[in-house]
Amino acid sequence: MTYSQISRNSGNSSDMFYLEQQMKAVKKEMKRAEAAGLQELQDQLSHRLAELEAELDKLED
């Protein structure tokens, strides 16, 4: 494996970790929004979660 491949894989791992952390945070916010009965916020957070999942899928490929 070349240095550039190792570097790229390392960068992807960092990006994946960041996205996973963002997804956890969004899920927590969704639970809070649900408990507060804030449907519009839940919808926005659900959309954001889908975006994060799509970004993560791209990195995993």
Protein backbone atom coordinates (compact mmCIF):
# COMPACT_ATOMS: atom_id res chain seq x y z
CA MET A 1 0.00 0.00 0.00
CA THR A 2 1.37 3.38 -0.95
CA TYR A 3 1.59 6.37 1.34
CA SER A 4 -1.19 8.15 -0.55
CA GLN A 5 -3.49 5.14 -0.15
CA ILE A 6 -2.75 4.98 3.56
CA SER A 7 -3.30 8.71 3.90
CA ARG A 8 -6.58 8.56 1.98
CA ASN A 9 -7.82 5.64 4.09
CA SER A 10 -6.90 7.52 7.25
CA GLY A 11 -8.80 10.56 6.03
CA ASN A 12 -11.84 8.43 5.24
CA SER A 13 -11.72 6.91 8.71
CA SER A 14 -11.69 10.37 10.25
CA ASP A 15 -14.55 11.48 8.02
CA MET A 16 -16.52 8.35 8.88
CA PHE A 17 -15.96 8.86 12.60
CA TYR A 18 -17.09 12.49 12.30
CA LEU A 19 -20.25 11.50 10.42
CA GLU A 20 -21.04 8.78 12.95
CA GLN A 21 -20.71 11.30 15.78
CA GLN A 22 -22.96 13.74 13.94
CA MET A 23 -25.53 11.00 13.44
CA LYS A 24 -25.51 10.21 17.17
CA ALA A 25 -26.04 13.88 17.98
CA VAL A 26 -28.92 14.17 15.50
CA LYS A 27 -30.57 11.06 16.94
CA LYS A 28 -30.38 12.55 20.45
CA GLU A 29 -31.94 15.77 19.19
CA MET A 30 -34.68 13.77 17.48
CA LYS A 31 -35.54 12.08 20.79
CA ARG A 32 -35.70 15.47 22.51
CA ALA A 33 -37.87 16.89 19.73
CA GLU A 34 -40.17 13.89 19.95
CA ALA A 35 -40.50 14.26 23.72
CA ALA A 36 -41.33 17.95 23.27
CA GLY A 37 -43.83 17.21 20.50
CA LEU A 38 -41.96 19.29 17.92
CA GLN A 39 -42.94 17.54 14.69
CA GLU A 40 -41.41 20.11 12.33
CA LEU A 41 -38.05 19.84 14.08
CA GLN A 42 -38.29 16.05 13.97
CA ASP A 43 -38.85 16.22 10.21
CA GLN A 44 -35.85 18.51 9.74
CA LEU A 45 -33.65 16.27 11.86
CA SER A 46 -34.86 13.18 10.02
CA HIS A 47 -33.86 14.80 6.74
CA ARG A 48 -30.45 15.72 8.17
CA LEU A 49 -29.94 12.17 9.41
CA ALA A 50 -30.72 10.82 5.93
CA GLU A 51 -28.14 13.21 4.45
CA LEU A 52 -25.49 12.07 6.93
CA GLU A 53 -26.26 8.42 6.24
CA ALA A 54 -25.90 9.03 2.49
CA GLU A 55 -22.53 10.73 3.02
CA LEU A 56 -21.38 7.81 5.16
CA ASP A 57 -22.49 5.33 2.51
CA LYS A 58 -20.40 7.17 -0.09
CA LEU A 59 -17.31 6.91 2.10
CA GLU A 60 -17.85 3.23 2.79
CA ASP A 61 -17.91 2.39 -0.94
